[in-house]
N, C-alpha and C. Protein backbone atom coordinates (compact mmCIF):
# COMPACT_ATOMS: atom_id res chain seq x y z
N MET A 1 8.81 20.29 -11.43
CA MET A 1 8.94 19.14 -10.48
C MET A 1 7.86 18.19 -10.67
N SER A 2 8.07 16.95 -10.71
CA SER A 2 7.08 15.96 -10.91
C SER A 2 7.19 14.81 -9.79
N PHE A 3 6.03 14.53 -9.28
CA PHE A 3 6.05 13.30 -8.29
C PHE A 3 6.21 12.13 -8.94
N THR A 4 7.23 11.23 -8.55
CA THR A 4 7.54 9.95 -9.31
C THR A 4 7.03 8.75 -8.52
N SER A 5 7.56 8.67 -7.14
CA SER A 5 7.24 7.53 -6.42
C SER A 5 7.00 7.69 -4.89
N LEU A 6 6.70 6.61 -4.29
CA LEU A 6 6.57 6.72 -2.86
C LEU A 6 7.26 5.29 -2.60
N ARG A 7 8.23 5.42 -1.62
CA ARG A 7 8.92 4.19 -1.23
C ARG A 7 8.68 3.87 0.12
N ILE A 8 8.28 2.51 0.36
CA ILE A 8 8.12 1.95 1.62
C ILE A 8 9.37 1.22 2.06
N VAL A 9 9.84 1.40 3.18
CA VAL A 9 11.05 0.76 3.78
C VAL A 9 10.69 -0.33 4.75
N THR A 10 11.05 -1.45 4.70
CA THR A 10 10.58 -2.58 5.49
C THR A 10 11.54 -3.55 5.82
N ASP A 11 11.47 -4.17 7.03
CA ASP A 11 12.53 -5.18 7.49
C ASP A 11 11.97 -6.45 6.81
N ASP A 12 10.62 -6.77 6.19
CA ASP A 12 10.32 -7.89 5.68
C ASP A 12 9.77 -7.64 4.26
N LEU A 13 10.70 -7.61 3.37
CA LEU A 13 10.44 -7.30 1.88
C LEU A 13 9.34 -8.20 1.35
N ASP A 14 9.64 -9.43 1.61
CA ASP A 14 8.72 -10.34 0.91
C ASP A 14 7.23 -10.31 1.28
N ALA A 15 7.16 -10.07 2.73
CA ALA A 15 5.71 -10.08 3.28
C ALA A 15 4.99 -8.75 2.53
N LEU A 16 5.79 -7.57 2.65
CA LEU A 16 5.11 -6.36 1.97
C LEU A 16 4.75 -6.59 0.50
N VAL A 17 5.69 -7.15 -0.28
CA VAL A 17 5.63 -7.41 -1.68
C VAL A 17 4.31 -8.36 -2.07
N ALA A 18 4.20 -9.21 -1.11
CA ALA A 18 3.04 -10.08 -1.26
C ALA A 18 1.95 -9.41 -1.01
N PHE A 19 1.70 -8.76 -0.14
CA PHE A 19 0.51 -7.84 0.14
C PHE A 19 0.08 -7.00 -1.00
N TYR A 20 1.02 -6.18 -1.49
CA TYR A 20 0.74 -5.23 -2.47
C TYR A 20 0.63 -5.94 -3.76
N GLU A 21 1.12 -7.03 -4.00
CA GLU A 21 0.76 -7.91 -5.27
C GLU A 21 -0.72 -8.20 -5.23
N GLN A 22 -1.29 -8.60 -3.97
CA GLN A 22 -2.60 -8.81 -3.95
C GLN A 22 -3.47 -7.60 -4.04
N VAL A 23 -3.12 -6.48 -3.62
CA VAL A 23 -3.79 -5.29 -3.64
C VAL A 23 -3.85 -4.66 -5.21
N VAL A 24 -2.61 -4.73 -5.82
CA VAL A 24 -2.56 -4.33 -7.29
C VAL A 24 -2.95 -5.35 -8.25
N GLY A 25 -3.01 -6.52 -7.82
CA GLY A 25 -3.49 -7.64 -8.76
C GLY A 25 -2.44 -7.92 -9.91
N ARG A 26 -1.06 -7.75 -9.64
CA ARG A 26 -0.15 -8.17 -10.57
C ARG A 26 1.17 -8.35 -9.65
N PRO A 27 2.16 -9.12 -10.39
CA PRO A 27 3.44 -9.29 -9.61
C PRO A 27 4.27 -8.00 -9.70
N ALA A 28 5.01 -7.88 -8.56
CA ALA A 28 6.05 -6.67 -8.56
C ALA A 28 7.19 -6.80 -9.48
N GLU A 29 7.89 -5.84 -9.83
CA GLU A 29 9.08 -5.88 -10.61
C GLU A 29 10.11 -6.00 -9.57
N ARG A 30 11.10 -6.93 -9.60
CA ARG A 30 12.06 -7.06 -8.70
C ARG A 30 13.47 -6.98 -9.25
N PRO A 31 13.90 -5.68 -9.61
CA PRO A 31 15.30 -5.59 -10.13
C PRO A 31 16.42 -5.75 -9.31
N ALA A 32 16.08 -5.96 -7.92
CA ALA A 32 17.23 -6.43 -7.03
C ALA A 32 16.53 -7.01 -5.96
N PRO A 33 17.38 -7.98 -5.20
CA PRO A 33 16.95 -8.77 -4.09
C PRO A 33 16.26 -8.00 -2.85
N VAL A 34 16.80 -6.68 -2.75
CA VAL A 34 16.40 -5.92 -1.77
C VAL A 34 15.42 -4.67 -2.21
N PHE A 35 14.65 -5.05 -3.34
CA PHE A 35 13.98 -3.85 -3.92
C PHE A 35 13.02 -4.51 -4.77
N ALA A 36 11.59 -3.90 -4.76
CA ALA A 36 10.52 -4.18 -5.65
C ALA A 36 9.87 -3.00 -6.08
N GLN A 37 8.99 -3.08 -7.03
CA GLN A 37 8.26 -1.75 -7.42
C GLN A 37 7.20 -2.21 -8.33
N PHE A 38 6.10 -1.39 -8.30
CA PHE A 38 4.88 -1.39 -9.17
C PHE A 38 4.88 -0.13 -9.87
N THR A 39 5.11 0.03 -11.10
CA THR A 39 5.13 1.09 -11.94
C THR A 39 3.67 1.41 -12.38
N GLY A 40 3.15 2.42 -12.17
CA GLY A 40 1.81 2.82 -12.86
C GLY A 40 1.99 3.80 -13.67
N ALA A 41 0.75 4.39 -14.25
CA ALA A 41 0.99 5.47 -15.19
C ALA A 41 1.38 6.89 -14.83
N GLY A 42 1.10 7.16 -13.48
CA GLY A 42 1.68 8.45 -13.01
C GLY A 42 2.81 8.48 -12.02
N ALA A 43 2.94 7.21 -11.48
CA ALA A 43 3.91 7.16 -10.29
C ALA A 43 4.17 5.65 -9.91
N THR A 44 5.20 5.60 -9.22
CA THR A 44 5.64 4.22 -8.84
C THR A 44 5.56 3.90 -7.33
N LEU A 45 5.13 2.74 -6.97
CA LEU A 45 4.84 2.38 -5.52
C LEU A 45 6.19 1.40 -5.27
N ALA A 46 7.34 1.81 -4.64
CA ALA A 46 8.45 1.06 -4.46
C ALA A 46 8.57 0.55 -3.05
N ILE A 47 9.27 -0.58 -2.90
CA ILE A 47 9.24 -1.22 -1.60
C ILE A 47 10.83 -1.76 -1.53
N ALA A 48 11.41 -1.26 -0.47
CA ALA A 48 12.81 -1.39 -0.16
C ALA A 48 13.17 -2.03 1.10
N HIS A 49 14.18 -2.88 1.27
CA HIS A 49 14.55 -3.46 2.47
C HIS A 49 15.34 -2.42 3.27
N THR A 50 15.29 -2.45 4.54
CA THR A 50 15.91 -1.61 5.45
C THR A 50 17.48 -1.36 5.06
N SER A 51 18.07 -2.41 4.57
CA SER A 51 19.37 -2.28 4.23
C SER A 51 19.70 -1.06 3.14
N THR A 52 18.62 -0.97 2.39
CA THR A 52 18.96 0.02 1.42
C THR A 52 18.94 1.64 1.86
N VAL A 53 18.59 1.91 3.09
CA VAL A 53 18.59 3.06 3.72
C VAL A 53 19.52 3.07 4.98
N ALA A 54 20.58 2.21 4.98
CA ALA A 54 21.53 2.28 6.12
C ALA A 54 22.31 3.47 6.16
N VAL A 55 22.65 4.04 4.94
CA VAL A 55 23.44 5.31 5.16
C VAL A 55 22.83 6.57 5.65
N LEU A 56 21.38 6.57 5.79
CA LEU A 56 20.67 7.49 6.41
C LEU A 56 20.73 7.53 8.10
N ASP A 57 21.36 6.70 8.56
CA ASP A 57 21.62 6.63 9.95
C ASP A 57 20.45 6.74 10.74
N GLY A 58 19.36 5.77 10.56
CA GLY A 58 18.24 6.02 11.34
C GLY A 58 17.05 6.90 11.04
N ALA A 59 17.26 7.91 9.95
CA ALA A 59 16.27 8.65 9.85
C ALA A 59 15.07 8.17 9.02
N VAL A 60 15.19 6.88 8.65
CA VAL A 60 14.04 6.24 8.11
C VAL A 60 13.99 4.80 8.88
N VAL A 61 12.61 4.99 9.50
CA VAL A 61 12.47 3.65 10.46
C VAL A 61 11.22 2.89 9.97
N PRO A 62 11.49 1.59 9.62
CA PRO A 62 10.29 0.71 9.02
C PRO A 62 9.26 0.78 10.06
N ALA A 63 7.92 0.56 9.53
CA ALA A 63 6.93 0.34 10.38
C ALA A 63 6.50 1.28 11.25
N SER A 64 6.87 2.48 11.06
CA SER A 64 6.49 3.60 12.18
C SER A 64 5.72 4.63 11.51
N ASN A 65 4.96 4.39 10.31
CA ASN A 65 4.33 5.45 9.94
C ASN A 65 2.76 5.38 10.40
N ARG A 66 2.20 6.52 10.89
CA ARG A 66 0.89 6.68 11.23
C ARG A 66 0.16 7.92 10.83
N SER A 67 0.90 8.46 9.49
CA SER A 67 0.18 9.79 9.03
C SER A 67 -0.02 9.67 7.72
N VAL A 68 0.40 8.76 6.89
CA VAL A 68 0.20 8.53 5.37
C VAL A 68 -0.93 7.42 5.22
N LEU A 69 -1.66 7.68 4.12
CA LEU A 69 -2.42 6.67 3.60
C LEU A 69 -2.20 6.36 2.18
N LEU A 70 -1.89 5.25 1.83
CA LEU A 70 -1.72 4.88 0.54
C LEU A 70 -2.92 4.42 -0.07
N GLU A 71 -3.20 5.14 -1.25
CA GLU A 71 -4.71 4.95 -1.76
C GLU A 71 -4.66 4.30 -2.99
N PHE A 72 -5.59 3.25 -3.35
CA PHE A 72 -5.77 2.59 -4.46
C PHE A 72 -7.19 2.69 -4.98
N GLU A 73 -7.52 3.36 -6.10
CA GLU A 73 -8.76 3.31 -6.59
C GLU A 73 -9.05 2.03 -7.23
N VAL A 74 -10.13 1.38 -6.98
CA VAL A 74 -10.67 0.09 -7.40
C VAL A 74 -12.03 0.03 -7.85
N PRO A 75 -12.27 -0.74 -8.89
CA PRO A 75 -13.71 -0.67 -9.48
C PRO A 75 -14.72 -1.10 -8.39
N ASP A 76 -14.52 -1.97 -7.42
CA ASP A 76 -15.58 -2.49 -6.56
C ASP A 76 -14.85 -2.70 -5.06
N VAL A 77 -15.20 -1.77 -4.23
CA VAL A 77 -14.39 -1.73 -2.96
C VAL A 77 -14.71 -3.04 -2.25
N ASP A 78 -16.02 -3.53 -2.24
CA ASP A 78 -16.50 -4.44 -1.44
C ASP A 78 -15.93 -5.91 -1.90
N ARG A 79 -15.75 -5.96 -3.29
CA ARG A 79 -15.11 -7.19 -3.76
C ARG A 79 -13.60 -7.10 -3.48
N ALA A 80 -12.96 -5.93 -3.67
CA ALA A 80 -11.60 -5.91 -3.43
C ALA A 80 -11.12 -6.27 -1.92
N PHE A 81 -12.12 -5.76 -1.14
CA PHE A 81 -11.83 -6.01 0.40
C PHE A 81 -12.06 -7.44 0.71
N ALA A 82 -13.08 -8.02 0.22
CA ALA A 82 -13.08 -9.51 0.36
C ALA A 82 -11.99 -10.30 -0.27
N GLU A 83 -11.57 -9.96 -1.38
CA GLU A 83 -10.49 -10.70 -2.08
C GLU A 83 -9.17 -10.61 -1.28
N LEU A 84 -9.23 -9.50 -0.62
CA LEU A 84 -7.87 -9.17 0.23
C LEU A 84 -7.87 -9.98 1.33
N GLY A 85 -9.13 -10.05 1.86
CA GLY A 85 -9.31 -10.97 3.11
C GLY A 85 -8.51 -10.61 4.34
N PRO A 86 -8.47 -9.47 4.74
CA PRO A 86 -7.66 -8.93 5.76
C PRO A 86 -8.01 -9.57 7.17
N ARG A 87 -7.01 -9.76 8.05
CA ARG A 87 -7.44 -10.35 9.35
C ARG A 87 -8.09 -9.17 10.05
N SER A 88 -8.86 -9.45 10.97
CA SER A 88 -9.68 -8.34 11.56
C SER A 88 -8.91 -7.34 12.41
N GLU A 89 -7.92 -7.64 12.92
CA GLU A 89 -7.15 -6.64 13.53
C GLU A 89 -6.39 -5.71 12.60
N ASP A 90 -6.25 -6.16 11.38
CA ASP A 90 -5.74 -5.23 10.39
C ASP A 90 -6.90 -4.33 9.63
N VAL A 91 -8.11 -4.37 9.90
CA VAL A 91 -9.12 -3.64 9.47
C VAL A 91 -9.33 -2.34 10.10
N VAL A 92 -9.10 -1.18 9.48
CA VAL A 92 -9.29 0.14 9.96
C VAL A 92 -10.67 0.50 9.94
N LEU A 93 -11.14 0.36 8.74
CA LEU A 93 -12.65 0.72 8.35
C LEU A 93 -13.12 -0.35 7.28
N PRO A 94 -14.13 -1.16 7.69
CA PRO A 94 -14.75 -1.95 6.86
C PRO A 94 -15.39 -1.22 5.52
N PRO A 95 -15.72 -1.84 4.51
CA PRO A 95 -16.31 -1.16 3.36
C PRO A 95 -17.49 -0.28 3.73
N SER A 96 -17.25 1.11 3.53
CA SER A 96 -18.17 2.06 3.89
C SER A 96 -18.37 3.14 2.85
N THR A 97 -19.46 3.91 2.99
CA THR A 97 -19.76 5.22 2.02
C THR A 97 -19.36 6.26 2.79
N MET A 98 -18.50 7.12 2.32
CA MET A 98 -17.95 8.22 3.01
C MET A 98 -18.94 9.37 2.84
N PRO A 99 -18.97 10.31 3.73
CA PRO A 99 -19.96 11.59 3.57
C PRO A 99 -19.85 12.19 2.16
N TRP A 100 -18.67 12.29 1.56
CA TRP A 100 -18.52 12.85 0.17
C TRP A 100 -18.78 11.81 -0.92
N GLY A 101 -19.13 10.67 -0.81
CA GLY A 101 -19.89 9.68 -1.73
C GLY A 101 -18.90 8.55 -2.02
N ASN A 102 -17.51 8.62 -1.98
CA ASN A 102 -16.73 7.58 -2.20
C ASN A 102 -17.00 6.24 -1.34
N ARG A 103 -16.72 5.20 -1.93
CA ARG A 103 -16.83 3.98 -1.07
C ARG A 103 -15.49 3.68 -0.58
N SER A 104 -15.22 3.27 0.55
CA SER A 104 -13.72 3.23 0.98
C SER A 104 -13.89 2.02 2.02
N ALA A 105 -12.61 1.32 1.91
CA ALA A 105 -12.26 0.31 3.01
C ALA A 105 -10.81 0.60 3.36
N LEU A 106 -10.38 0.58 4.53
CA LEU A 106 -9.00 0.95 5.11
C LEU A 106 -8.46 -0.21 5.88
N VAL A 107 -7.47 -0.70 5.48
CA VAL A 107 -6.66 -1.83 6.21
C VAL A 107 -5.25 -1.32 6.25
N ARG A 108 -4.67 -2.18 6.98
CA ARG A 108 -3.39 -1.96 7.51
C ARG A 108 -2.36 -3.02 6.65
N ASP A 109 -1.36 -2.72 6.06
CA ASP A 109 -0.53 -3.54 5.43
C ASP A 109 0.50 -4.43 6.45
N PRO A 110 1.28 -5.35 6.06
CA PRO A 110 1.97 -6.13 7.18
C PRO A 110 2.87 -5.15 7.97
N ASP A 111 3.25 -4.00 7.54
CA ASP A 111 4.01 -3.17 8.42
C ASP A 111 3.14 -2.00 9.30
N GLY A 112 1.93 -2.19 9.19
CA GLY A 112 1.12 -1.17 9.78
C GLY A 112 0.73 0.09 8.78
N ASN A 113 1.07 0.18 7.76
CA ASN A 113 0.82 1.35 7.02
C ASN A 113 -0.69 1.33 6.56
N ALA A 114 -1.35 2.43 6.62
CA ALA A 114 -2.70 2.51 6.39
C ALA A 114 -3.00 2.45 4.85
N VAL A 115 -3.72 1.58 4.23
CA VAL A 115 -4.04 1.58 2.80
C VAL A 115 -5.63 1.60 2.69
N ASN A 116 -5.93 2.80 1.73
CA ASN A 116 -7.41 2.85 1.39
C ASN A 116 -7.63 2.36 0.14
N LEU A 117 -8.71 1.44 0.14
CA LEU A 117 -9.10 0.77 -1.20
C LEU A 117 -10.48 1.82 -1.54
N PHE A 118 -10.57 2.44 -2.40
CA PHE A 118 -11.73 3.11 -2.74
C PHE A 118 -12.18 3.34 -4.18
N SER A 119 -13.46 3.64 -4.38
CA SER A 119 -14.17 3.85 -5.40
C SER A 119 -14.92 5.10 -5.59
N ARG A 120 -14.90 5.88 -6.61
CA ARG A 120 -15.78 7.17 -6.50
C ARG A 120 -17.32 6.89 -6.97
N PRO A 121 -18.14 7.66 -6.66
CA PRO A 121 -19.47 7.53 -6.75
C PRO A 121 -19.80 7.44 -8.32
N ALA A 122 -20.77 6.64 -8.63
CA ALA A 122 -21.05 6.40 -10.10
C ALA A 122 -21.74 7.72 -10.47
N GLY A 123 -21.67 8.20 -11.75
CA GLY A 123 -22.41 9.23 -12.31
C GLY A 123 -21.46 10.42 -12.75
């Protein structure tokens, strides 16, 4: 078995795609009007409109996650955080050094999902 992707389901595809384009620093692939993706070396971040899961009869509910962190390793957390320019109500944790040495900043995306921008300690 191999992990291949994480898909976020949303009512506002364009807002979420714009947010993650800023986080990843490149445009999303848009193979369909209701779907976008960012393909990386080990996995894909997919974003899909709510209409793509209608067959699941309410089992997937947009903007209801409070238990998963999407994590992006960045070279400079402080710069990435500043470039993202999150609204104060979207900041979970401003750039901080964690007890284990990582530098992290946590924000919420437009649907309220927690996003961790982090860098590992030098050395």
